[in-house]
Amino acid sequence: GEPEPRVVDLGCGLGASLMYLALRAPIRGEGLTISPRQAE
């Protein structure tokens, strides 16, 4: 029943999980990674 669920990935790597979720649900997602190379 939440129209735009808010999701946070702590240790998101290359963001693959957030992408998978966003392609299947109307989420708003945030990811944190300690690696600048992964963030880029």
PDB file of all heavy atoms in Angstrom:
ATOM      1  N   GLY A   1       0.784  -1.227   0.000  1.00  0.00           N
ATOM      2  CA  GLY A   1       0.000   0.000   0.000  1.00  0.00           C
ATOM      3  C   GLY A   1       0.813   1.273   0.000  1.00  0.00           C
ATOM      4  O   GLY A   1       0.243   2.368  -0.077  1.00  0.00           O
ATOM      5  N   GLU A   2       2.134   1.162   0.083  1.00  0.00           N
ATOM      6  CA  GLU A   2       2.987   2.355   0.039  1.00  0.00           C
ATOM      7  C   GLU A   2       3.273   2.682  -1.425  1.00  0.00           C
ATOM      8  O   GLU A   2       3.882   1.879  -2.129  1.00  0.00           O
ATOM      9  CB  GLU A   2       4.290   2.092   0.791  1.00  0.00           C
ATOM     10  CG  GLU A   2       5.276   3.247   0.776  1.00  0.00           C
ATOM     11  CD  GLU A   2       4.721   4.484   1.456  1.00  0.00           C
ATOM     12  OE1 GLU A   2       4.140   4.351   2.557  1.00  0.00           O
ATOM     13  OE2 GLU A   2       4.875   5.579   0.876  1.00  0.00           O
ATOM     14  N   PRO A   3       2.849   3.870  -1.922  1.00  0.00           N
ATOM     15  CA  PRO A   3       2.998   4.146  -3.358  1.00  0.00           C
ATOM     16  C   PRO A   3       4.451   4.269  -3.809  1.00  0.00           C
ATOM     17  O   PRO A   3       4.776   3.914  -4.944  1.00  0.00           O
ATOM     18  CB  PRO A   3       2.241   5.468  -3.548  1.00  0.00           C
ATOM     19  CG  PRO A   3       2.175   6.075  -2.177  1.00  0.00           C
ATOM     20  CD  PRO A   3       2.125   4.936  -1.213  1.00  0.00           C
ATOM     21  N   GLU A   4       5.333   4.782  -2.953  1.00  0.00           N
ATOM     22  CA  GLU A   4       6.750   4.917  -3.288  1.00  0.00           C
ATOM     23  C   GLU A   4       7.597   4.477  -2.096  1.00  0.00           C
ATOM     24  O   GLU A   4       8.098   5.312  -1.340  1.00  0.00           O
ATOM     25  CB  GLU A   4       7.101   6.354  -3.667  1.00  0.00           C
ATOM     26  CG  GLU A   4       6.598   6.790  -5.021  1.00  0.00           C
ATOM     27  CD  GLU A   4       7.140   8.164  -5.421  1.00  0.00           C
ATOM     28  OE1 GLU A   4       7.538   8.934  -4.510  1.00  0.00           O
ATOM     29  OE2 GLU A   4       7.180   8.459  -6.617  1.00  0.00           O
ATOM     30  N   PRO A   5       7.761   3.163  -1.913  1.00  0.00           N
ATOM     31  CA  PRO A   5       8.560   2.701  -0.774  1.00  0.00           C
ATOM     32  C   PRO A   5       9.980   3.252  -0.841  1.00  0.00           C
ATOM     33  O   PRO A   5      10.586   3.338  -1.915  1.00  0.00           O
ATOM     34  CB  PRO A   5       8.558   1.178  -0.939  1.00  0.00           C
ATOM     35  CG  PRO A   5       7.410   0.879  -1.843  1.00  0.00           C
ATOM     36  CD  PRO A   5       7.281   2.056  -2.745  1.00  0.00           C
ATOM     37  N   ARG A   6      10.493   3.620   0.310  1.00  0.00           N
ATOM     38  CA  ARG A   6      11.853   4.139   0.416  1.00  0.00           C
ATOM     39  C   ARG A   6      12.774   3.012   0.869  1.00  0.00           C
ATOM     40  O   ARG A   6      12.525   2.363   1.892  1.00  0.00           O
ATOM     41  CB  ARG A   6      11.918   5.297   1.406  1.00  0.00           C
ATOM     42  CG  ARG A   6      10.991   6.450   1.040  1.00  0.00           C
ATOM     43  CD  ARG A   6      11.584   7.300  -0.060  1.00  0.00           C
ATOM     44  NE  ARG A   6      10.645   8.322  -0.504  1.00  0.00           N
ATOM     45  CZ  ARG A   6      11.014   9.488  -1.047  1.00  0.00           C
ATOM     46  NH1 ARG A   6      12.300   9.765  -1.211  1.00  0.00           N
ATOM     47  NH2 ARG A   6      10.114  10.349  -1.451  1.00  0.00           N
ATOM     48  N   VAL A   7      13.843   2.801   0.103  1.00  0.00           N
ATOM     49  CA  VAL A   7      14.747   1.678   0.331  1.00  0.00           C
ATOM     50  C   VAL A   7      16.179   2.195   0.387  1.00  0.00           C
ATOM     51  O   VAL A   7      16.572   3.028  -0.448  1.00  0.00           O
ATOM     52  CB  VAL A   7      14.606   0.628  -0.796  1.00  0.00           C
ATOM     53  CG1 VAL A   7      15.563  -0.525  -0.567  1.00  0.00           C
ATOM     54  CG2 VAL A   7      13.167   0.121  -0.883  1.00  0.00           C
ATOM     55  N   VAL A   8      16.948   1.703   1.337  1.00  0.00           N
ATOM     56  CA  VAL A   8      18.358   2.089   1.468  1.00  0.00           C
ATOM     57  C   VAL A   8      19.212   0.828   1.520  1.00  0.00           C
ATOM     58  O   VAL A   8      18.937  -0.083   2.306  1.00  0.00           O
ATOM     59  CB  VAL A   8      18.600   2.949   2.725  1.00  0.00           C
ATOM     60  CG1 VAL A   8      20.097   3.219   2.912  1.00  0.00           C
ATOM     61  CG2 VAL A   8      17.835   4.275   2.635  1.00  0.00           C
ATOM     62  N   ASP A   9      20.232   0.775   0.665  1.00  0.00           N
ATOM     63  CA  ASP A   9      21.183  -0.331   0.612  1.00  0.00           C
ATOM     64  C   ASP A   9      22.486   0.126   1.260  1.00  0.00           C
ATOM     65  O   ASP A   9      23.189   0.992   0.726  1.00  0.00           O
ATOM     66  CB  ASP A   9      21.420  -0.728  -0.853  1.00  0.00           C
ATOM     67  CG  ASP A   9      22.343  -1.933  -1.009  1.00  0.00           C
ATOM     68  OD1 ASP A   9      22.956  -2.358  -0.017  1.00  0.00           O
ATOM     69  OD2 ASP A   9      22.468  -2.426  -2.145  1.00  0.00           O
ATOM     70  N   LEU A  10      22.806  -0.449   2.417  1.00  0.00           N
ATOM     71  CA  LEU A  10      24.043  -0.124   3.121  1.00  0.00           C
ATOM     72  C   LEU A  10      25.127  -1.092   2.669  1.00  0.00           C
ATOM     73  O   LEU A  10      25.159  -2.254   3.079  1.00  0.00           O
ATOM     74  CB  LEU A  10      23.830  -0.218   4.633  1.00  0.00           C
ATOM     75  CG  LEU A  10      22.776   0.726   5.226  1.00  0.00           C
ATOM     76  CD1 LEU A  10      22.652   0.523   6.731  1.00  0.00           C
ATOM     77  CD2 LEU A  10      23.105   2.188   4.909  1.00  0.00           C
ATOM     78  N   GLY A  11      26.015  -0.614   1.800  1.00  0.00           N
ATOM     79  CA  GLY A  11      27.022  -1.458   1.177  1.00  0.00           C
ATOM     80  C   GLY A  11      26.540  -1.901  -0.188  1.00  0.00           C
ATOM     81  O   GLY A  11      26.472  -3.098  -0.482  1.00  0.00           O
ATOM     82  N   CYS A  12      26.217  -0.922  -1.051  1.00  0.00           N
ATOM     83  CA  CYS A  12      25.455  -1.203  -2.279  1.00  0.00           C
ATOM     84  C   CYS A  12      26.285  -1.716  -3.437  1.00  0.00           C
ATOM     85  O   CYS A  12      25.717  -2.124  -4.461  1.00  0.00           O
ATOM     86  CB  CYS A  12      24.714   0.066  -2.723  1.00  0.00           C
ATOM     87  SG  CYS A  12      25.810   1.422  -3.246  1.00  0.00           S
ATOM     88  N   GLY A  13      27.613  -1.724  -3.341  1.00  0.00           N
ATOM     89  CA  GLY A  13      28.422  -2.193  -4.461  1.00  0.00           C
ATOM     90  C   GLY A  13      28.145  -1.379  -5.707  1.00  0.00           C
ATOM     91  O   GLY A  13      28.151  -0.143  -5.689  1.00  0.00           O
ATOM     92  N   LEU A  14      27.862  -2.055  -6.811  1.00  0.00           N
ATOM     93  CA  LEU A  14      27.570  -1.405  -8.082  1.00  0.00           C
ATOM     94  C   LEU A  14      26.088  -1.088  -8.254  1.00  0.00           C
ATOM     95  O   LEU A  14      25.652  -0.705  -9.338  1.00  0.00           O
ATOM     96  CB  LEU A  14      28.051  -2.283  -9.242  1.00  0.00           C
ATOM     97  CG  LEU A  14      29.565  -2.433  -9.353  1.00  0.00           C
ATOM     98  CD1 LEU A  14      29.920  -3.502 -10.392  1.00  0.00           C
ATOM     99  CD2 LEU A  14      30.236  -1.121  -9.706  1.00  0.00           C
ATOM    100  N   GLY A  15      25.313  -1.250  -7.196  1.00  0.00           N
ATOM    101  CA  GLY A  15      23.911  -0.861  -7.241  1.00  0.00           C
ATOM    102  C   GLY A  15      22.994  -1.848  -7.923  1.00  0.00           C
ATOM    103  O   GLY A  15      21.838  -1.526  -8.219  1.00  0.00           O
ATOM    104  N   ALA A  16      23.455  -3.077  -8.168  1.00  0.00           N
ATOM    105  CA  ALA A  16      22.659  -4.039  -8.929  1.00  0.00           C
ATOM    106  C   ALA A  16      21.352  -4.387  -8.231  1.00  0.00           C
ATOM    107  O   ALA A  16      20.314  -4.538  -8.877  1.00  0.00           O
ATOM    108  CB  ALA A  16      23.475  -5.302  -9.195  1.00  0.00           C
ATOM    109  N   SER A  17      21.375  -4.546  -6.910  1.00  0.00           N
ATOM    110  CA  SER A  17      20.145  -4.900  -6.203  1.00  0.00           C
ATOM    111  C   SER A  17      19.136  -3.764  -6.255  1.00  0.00           C
ATOM    112  O   SER A  17      17.930  -3.988  -6.469  1.00  0.00           O
ATOM    113  CB  SER A  17      20.454  -5.275  -4.753  1.00  0.00           C
ATOM    114  OG  SER A  17      21.125  -6.521  -4.690  1.00  0.00           O
ATOM    115  N   LEU A  18      19.594  -2.545  -6.070  1.00  0.00           N
ATOM    116  CA  LEU A  18      18.681  -1.404  -6.161  1.00  0.00           C
ATOM    117  C   LEU A  18      18.090  -1.287  -7.565  1.00  0.00           C
ATOM    118  O   LEU A  18      16.904  -0.984  -7.724  1.00  0.00           O
ATOM    119  CB  LEU A  18      19.413  -0.113  -5.788  1.00  0.00           C
ATOM    120  CG  LEU A  18      19.665   0.103  -4.298  1.00  0.00           C
ATOM    121  CD1 LEU A  18      20.586   1.293  -4.091  1.00  0.00           C
ATOM    122  CD2 LEU A  18      18.356   0.308  -3.535  1.00  0.00           C
ATOM    123  N   MET A  19      18.899  -1.536  -8.584  1.00  0.00           N
ATOM    124  CA  MET A  19      18.375  -1.500  -9.954  1.00  0.00           C
ATOM    125  C   MET A  19      17.314  -2.572 -10.143  1.00  0.00           C
ATOM    126  O   MET A  19      16.258  -2.316 -10.743  1.00  0.00           O
ATOM    127  CB  MET A  19      19.509  -1.694 -10.972  1.00  0.00           C
ATOM    128  CG  MET A  19      20.348  -0.461 -11.194  1.00  0.00           C
ATOM    129  SD  MET A  19      21.409  -0.608 -12.656  1.00  0.00           S
ATOM    130  CE  MET A  19      22.528  -1.875 -12.111  1.00  0.00           C
ATOM    131  N   TYR A  20      17.581  -3.770  -9.652  1.00  0.00           N
ATOM    132  CA  TYR A  20      16.613  -4.856  -9.789  1.00  0.00           C
ATOM    133  C   TYR A  20      15.291  -4.475  -9.128  1.00  0.00           C
ATOM    134  O   TYR A  20      14.216  -4.669  -9.701  1.00  0.00           O
ATOM    135  CB  TYR A  20      17.182  -6.121  -9.157  1.00  0.00           C
ATOM    136  CG  TYR A  20      16.318  -7.343  -9.322  1.00  0.00           C
ATOM    137  CD1 TYR A  20      16.436  -8.153 -10.446  1.00  0.00           C
ATOM    138  CD2 TYR A  20      15.378  -7.703  -8.349  1.00  0.00           C
ATOM    139  CE1 TYR A  20      15.644  -9.283 -10.608  1.00  0.00           C
ATOM    140  CE2 TYR A  20      14.582  -8.829  -8.506  1.00  0.00           C
ATOM    141  CZ  TYR A  20      14.720  -9.611  -9.638  1.00  0.00           C
ATOM    142  OH  TYR A  20      13.929 -10.724  -9.794  1.00  0.00           O
ATOM    143  N   LEU A  21      15.363  -3.923  -7.923  1.00  0.00           N
ATOM    144  CA  LEU A  21      14.148  -3.525  -7.211  1.00  0.00           C
ATOM    145  C   LEU A  21      13.407  -2.426  -7.960  1.00  0.00           C
ATOM    146  O   LEU A  21      12.178  -2.470  -8.104  1.00  0.00           O
ATOM    147  CB  LEU A  21      14.502  -3.052  -5.800  1.00  0.00           C
ATOM    148  CG  LEU A  21      15.195  -4.048  -4.864  1.00  0.00           C
ATOM    149  CD1 LEU A  21      15.523  -3.378  -3.550  1.00  0.00           C
ATOM    150  CD2 LEU A  21      14.342  -5.278  -4.646  1.00  0.00           C
ATOM    151  N   ALA A  22      14.153  -1.432  -8.436  1.00  0.00           N
ATOM    152  CA  ALA A  22      13.534  -0.272  -9.075  1.00  0.00           C
ATOM    153  C   ALA A  22      12.872  -0.622 -10.399  1.00  0.00           C
ATOM    154  O   ALA A  22      11.945   0.068 -10.830  1.00  0.00           O
ATOM    155  CB  ALA A  22      14.572   0.827  -9.287  1.00  0.00           C
ATOM    156  N   LEU A  23      13.339  -1.677 -11.050  1.00  0.00           N
ATOM    157  CA  LEU A  23      12.716  -2.111 -12.301  1.00  0.00           C
ATOM    158  C   LEU A  23      11.449  -2.923 -12.063  1.00  0.00           C
ATOM    159  O   LEU A  23      10.719  -3.234 -13.014  1.00  0.00           O
ATOM    160  CB  LEU A  23      13.718  -2.937 -13.122  1.00  0.00           C
ATOM    161  CG  LEU A  23      14.881  -2.139 -13.726  1.00  0.00           C
ATOM    162  CD1 LEU A  23      15.935  -3.084 -14.296  1.00  0.00           C
ATOM    163  CD2 LEU A  23      14.388  -1.172 -14.801  1.00  0.00           C
ATOM    164  N   ARG A  24      11.178  -3.259 -10.808  1.00  0.00           N
ATOM    165  CA  ARG A  24      10.020  -4.097 -10.496  1.00  0.00           C
ATOM    166  C   ARG A  24       9.052  -3.474  -9.492  1.00  0.00           C
ATOM    167  O   ARG A  24       7.972  -4.026  -9.258  1.00  0.00           O
ATOM    168  CB  ARG A  24      10.514  -5.453  -9.962  1.00  0.00           C
ATOM    169  CG  ARG A  24      11.142  -6.296 -11.062  1.00  0.00           C
ATOM    170  CD  ARG A  24      12.076  -7.349 -10.550  1.00  0.00           C
ATOM    171  NE  ARG A  24      12.621  -8.105 -11.680  1.00  0.00           N
ATOM    172  CZ  ARG A  24      13.637  -7.679 -12.446  1.00  0.00           C
ATOM    173  NH1 ARG A  24      14.226  -6.505 -12.183  1.00  0.00           N
ATOM    174  NH2 ARG A  24      14.059  -8.389 -13.474  1.00  0.00           N
ATOM    175  N   ALA A  25       9.444  -2.373  -8.889  1.00  0.00           N
ATOM    176  CA  ALA A  25       8.580  -1.705  -7.914  1.00  0.00           C
ATOM    177  C   ALA A  25       8.875  -0.205  -7.954  1.00  0.00           C
ATOM    178  O   ALA A  25       9.994   0.208  -8.292  1.00  0.00           O
ATOM    179  CB  ALA A  25       8.834  -2.263  -6.513  1.00  0.00           C
ATOM    180  N   PRO A  26       7.903   0.642  -7.596  1.00  0.00           N
ATOM    181  CA  PRO A  26       8.088   2.101  -7.670  1.00  0.00           C
ATOM    182  C   PRO A  26       8.872   2.661  -6.491  1.00  0.00           C
ATOM    183  O   PRO A  26       8.451   3.628  -5.837  1.00  0.00           O
ATOM    184  CB  PRO A  26       6.649   2.613  -7.698  1.00  0.00           C
ATOM    185  CG  PRO A  26       5.899   1.621  -6.873  1.00  0.00           C
ATOM    186  CD  PRO A  26       6.528   0.279  -7.182  1.00  0.00           C
ATOM    187  N   ILE A  27      10.017   2.058  -6.208  1.00  0.00           N
ATOM    188  CA  ILE A  27      10.789   2.479  -5.037  1.00  0.00           C
ATOM    189  C   ILE A  27      11.526   3.789  -5.293  1.00  0.00           C
ATOM    190  O   ILE A  27      11.770   4.189  -6.438  1.00  0.00           O
ATOM    191  CB  ILE A  27      11.813   1.406  -4.617  1.00  0.00           C
ATOM    192  CG1 ILE A  27      12.934   1.288  -5.674  1.00  0.00           C
ATOM    193  CG2 ILE A  27      11.153   0.063  -4.366  1.00  0.00           C
ATOM    194  CD1 ILE A  27      14.191   0.615  -5.166  1.00  0.00           C
ATOM    195  N   ARG A  28      11.896   4.443  -4.202  1.00  0.00           N
ATOM    196  CA  ARG A  28      12.912   5.483  -4.183  1.00  0.00           C
ATOM    197  C   ARG A  28      14.088   4.898  -3.423  1.00  0.00           C
ATOM    198  O   ARG A  28      13.946   4.502  -2.255  1.00  0.00           O
ATOM    199  CB  ARG A  28      12.400   6.741  -3.490  1.00  0.00           C
ATOM    200  CG  ARG A  28      11.271   7.433  -4.231  1.00  0.00           C
ATOM    201  CD  ARG A  28      11.807   8.292  -5.344  1.00  0.00           C
ATOM    202  NE  ARG A  28      10.736   8.885  -6.148  1.00  0.00           N
ATOM    203  CZ  ARG A  28      10.949   9.714  -7.149  1.00  0.00           C
ATOM    204  NH1 ARG A  28      12.188  10.042  -7.493  1.00  0.00           N
ATOM    205  NH2 ARG A  28       9.949  10.205  -7.839  1.00  0.00           N
ATOM    206  N   GLY A  29      15.232   4.781  -4.075  1.00  0.00           N
ATOM    207  CA  GLY A  29      16.338   4.053  -3.483  1.00  0.00           C
ATOM    208  C   GLY A  29      17.583   4.892  -3.279  1.00  0.00           C
ATOM    209  O   GLY A  29      17.871   5.805  -4.066  1.00  0.00           O
ATOM    210  N   GLU A  30      18.301   4.589  -2.223  1.00  0.00           N
ATOM    211  CA  GLU A  30      19.600   5.201  -1.921  1.00  0.00           C
ATOM    212  C   GLU A  30      20.585   4.088  -1.591  1.00  0.00           C
ATOM    213  O   GLU A  30      20.239   3.133  -0.880  1.00  0.00           O
ATOM    214  CB  GLU A  30      19.510   6.144  -0.715  1.00  0.00           C
ATOM    215  CG  GLU A  30      18.704   7.396  -0.940  1.00  0.00           C
ATOM    216  CD  GLU A  30      19.543   8.534  -1.509  1.00  0.00           C
ATOM    217  OE1 GLU A  30      20.775   8.364  -1.645  1.00  0.00           O
ATOM    218  OE2 GLU A  30      18.957   9.593  -1.813  1.00  0.00           O
ATOM    219  N   GLY A  31      21.801   4.199  -2.099  1.00  0.00           N
ATOM    220  CA  GLY A  31      22.834   3.233  -1.789  1.00  0.00           C
ATOM    221  C   GLY A  31      24.103   3.908  -1.311  1.00  0.00           C
ATOM    222  O   GLY A  31      24.457   4.983  -1.804  1.00  0.00           O
ATOM    223  N   LEU A  32      24.758   3.284  -0.355  1.00  0.00           N
ATOM    224  CA  LEU A  32      26.055   3.751   0.130  1.00  0.00           C
ATOM    225  C   LEU A  32      27.097   2.672  -0.106  1.00  0.00           C
ATOM    226  O   LEU A  32      26.866   1.505   0.199  1.00  0.00           O
ATOM    227  CB  LEU A  32      26.012   4.058   1.631  1.00  0.00           C
ATOM    228  CG  LEU A  32      25.292   5.303   2.133  1.00  0.00           C
ATOM    229  CD1 LEU A  32      25.457   5.396   3.646  1.00  0.00           C
ATOM    230  CD2 LEU A  32      25.815   6.564   1.465  1.00  0.00           C
ATOM    231  N   THR A  33      28.237   3.061  -0.651  1.00  0.00           N
ATOM    232  CA  THR A  33      29.378   2.162  -0.775  1.00  0.00           C
ATOM    233  C   THR A  33      30.626   2.904  -0.329  1.00  0.00           C
ATOM    234  O   THR A  33      30.780   4.097  -0.596  1.00  0.00           O
ATOM    235  CB  THR A  33      29.571   1.648  -2.208  1.00  0.00           C
ATOM    236  OG1 THR A  33      30.831   0.930  -2.272  1.00  0.00           O
ATOM    237  CG2 THR A  33      29.595   2.756  -3.236  1.00  0.00           C
ATOM    238  N   ILE A  34      31.496   2.203   0.341  1.00  0.00           N
ATOM    239  CA  ILE A  34      32.730   2.824   0.811  1.00  0.00           C
ATOM    240  C   ILE A  34      33.743   3.034  -0.309  1.00  0.00           C
ATOM    241  O   ILE A  34      34.715   3.761  -0.158  1.00  0.00           O
ATOM    242  CB  ILE A  34      33.343   1.978   1.952  1.00  0.00           C
ATOM    243  CG1 ILE A  34      34.268   2.840   2.813  1.00  0.00           C
ATOM    244  CG2 ILE A  34      34.060   0.743   1.400  1.00  0.00           C
ATOM    245  CD1 ILE A  34      34.627   2.186   4.128  1.00  0.00           C
ATOM    246  N   SER A  35      33.472   2.407  -1.458  1.00  0.00           N
ATOM    247  CA  SER A  35      34.408   2.448  -2.581  1.00  0.00           C
ATOM    248  C   SER A  35      34.017   3.531  -3.590  1.00  0.00           C
ATOM    249  O   SER A  35      32.957   3.435  -4.218  1.00  0.00           O
ATOM    250  CB  SER A  35      34.432   1.086  -3.292  1.00  0.00           C
ATOM    251  OG  SER A  35      35.010   1.186  -4.574  1.00  0.00           O
ATOM    252  N   PRO A  36      34.843   4.540  -3.799  1.00  0.00           N
ATOM    253  CA  PRO A  36      34.525   5.544  -4.825  1.00  0.00           C
ATOM    254  C   PRO A  36      34.448   4.941  -6.221  1.00  0.00           C
ATOM    255  O   PRO A  36      33.654   5.392  -7.049  1.00  0.00           O
ATOM    256  CB  PRO A  36      35.655   6.567  -4.706  1.00  0.00           C
ATOM    257  CG  PRO A  36      36.750   5.880  -3.968  1.00  0.00           C
ATOM    258  CD  PRO A  36      36.088   4.881  -3.086  1.00  0.00           C
ATOM    259  N   ARG A  37      35.236   3.913  -6.488  1.00  0.00           N
ATOM    260  CA  ARG A  37      35.180   3.265  -7.798  1.00  0.00           C
ATOM    261  C   ARG A  37      33.823   2.601  -8.007  1.00  0.00           C
ATOM    262  O   ARG A  37      33.234   2.681  -9.091  1.00  0.00           O
ATOM    263  CB  ARG A  37      36.302   2.240  -7.926  1.00  0.00           C
ATOM    264  CG  ARG A  37      36.380   1.585  -9.304  1.00  0.00           C
ATOM    265  CD  ARG A  37      37.691   0.872  -9.487  1.00  0.00           C
ATOM    266  NE  ARG A  37      38.814   1.800  -9.461  1.00  0.00           N
ATOM    267  CZ  ARG A  37      40.089   1.433  -9.573  1.00  0.00           C
ATOM    268  NH1 ARG A  37      40.397   0.155  -9.727  1.00  0.00           N
ATOM    269  NH2 ARG A  37      41.044   2.326  -9.528  1.00  0.00           N
ATOM    270  N   GLN A  38      33.303   1.958  -6.970  1.00  0.00           N
ATOM    271  CA  GLN A  38      31.974   1.355  -7.083  1.00  0.00           C
ATOM    272  C   GLN A  38      30.896   2.429  -7.224  1.00  0.00           C
ATOM    273  O   GLN A  38      29.950   2.268  -8.001  1.00  0.00           O
ATOM    274  CB  GLN A  38      31.681   0.482  -5.868  1.00  0.00           C
ATOM    275  CG  GLN A  38      32.441  -0.826  -5.858  1.00  0.00           C
ATOM    276  CD  GLN A  38      31.986  -1.758  -4.744  1.00  0.00           C
ATOM    277  OE1 GLN A  38      31.447  -1.325  -3.730  1.00  0.00           O
ATOM    278  NE2 GLN A  38      32.211  -3.050  -4.936  1.00  0.00           N
ATOM    279  N   ALA A  39      31.026   3.514  -6.495  1.00  0.00           N
ATOM    280  CA  ALA A  39      30.032   4.588  -6.583  1.00  0.00           C
ATOM    281  C   ALA A  39      29.972   5.157  -7.996  1.00  0.00           C
ATOM    282  O   ALA A  39      28.883   5.405  -8.541  1.00  0.00           O
ATOM    283  CB  ALA A  39      30.350   5.685  -5.574  1.00  0.00           C
ATOM    284  N   GLU A  40      31.129   5.359  -8.600  1.00  0.00           N
ATOM    285  CA  GLU A  40      31.165   5.859  -9.983  1.00  0.00           C
ATOM    286  C   GLU A  40      30.530   4.858 -10.935  1.00  0.00           C
ATOM    287  O   GLU A  40      29.751   5.224 -11.829  1.00  0.00           O
ATOM    288  CB  GLU A  40      32.613   6.134 -10.394  1.00  0.00           C
ATOM    289  CG  GLU A  40      33.256   7.289  -9.643  1.00  0.00           C
ATOM    290  CD  GLU A  40      34.756   7.352  -9.870  1.00  0.00           C
ATOM    291  OE1 GLU A  40      35.274   6.519 -10.655  1.00  0.00           O
ATOM    292  OE2 GLU A  40      35.410   8.202  -9.245  1.00  0.00           O
TER     293      GLU A  40
END
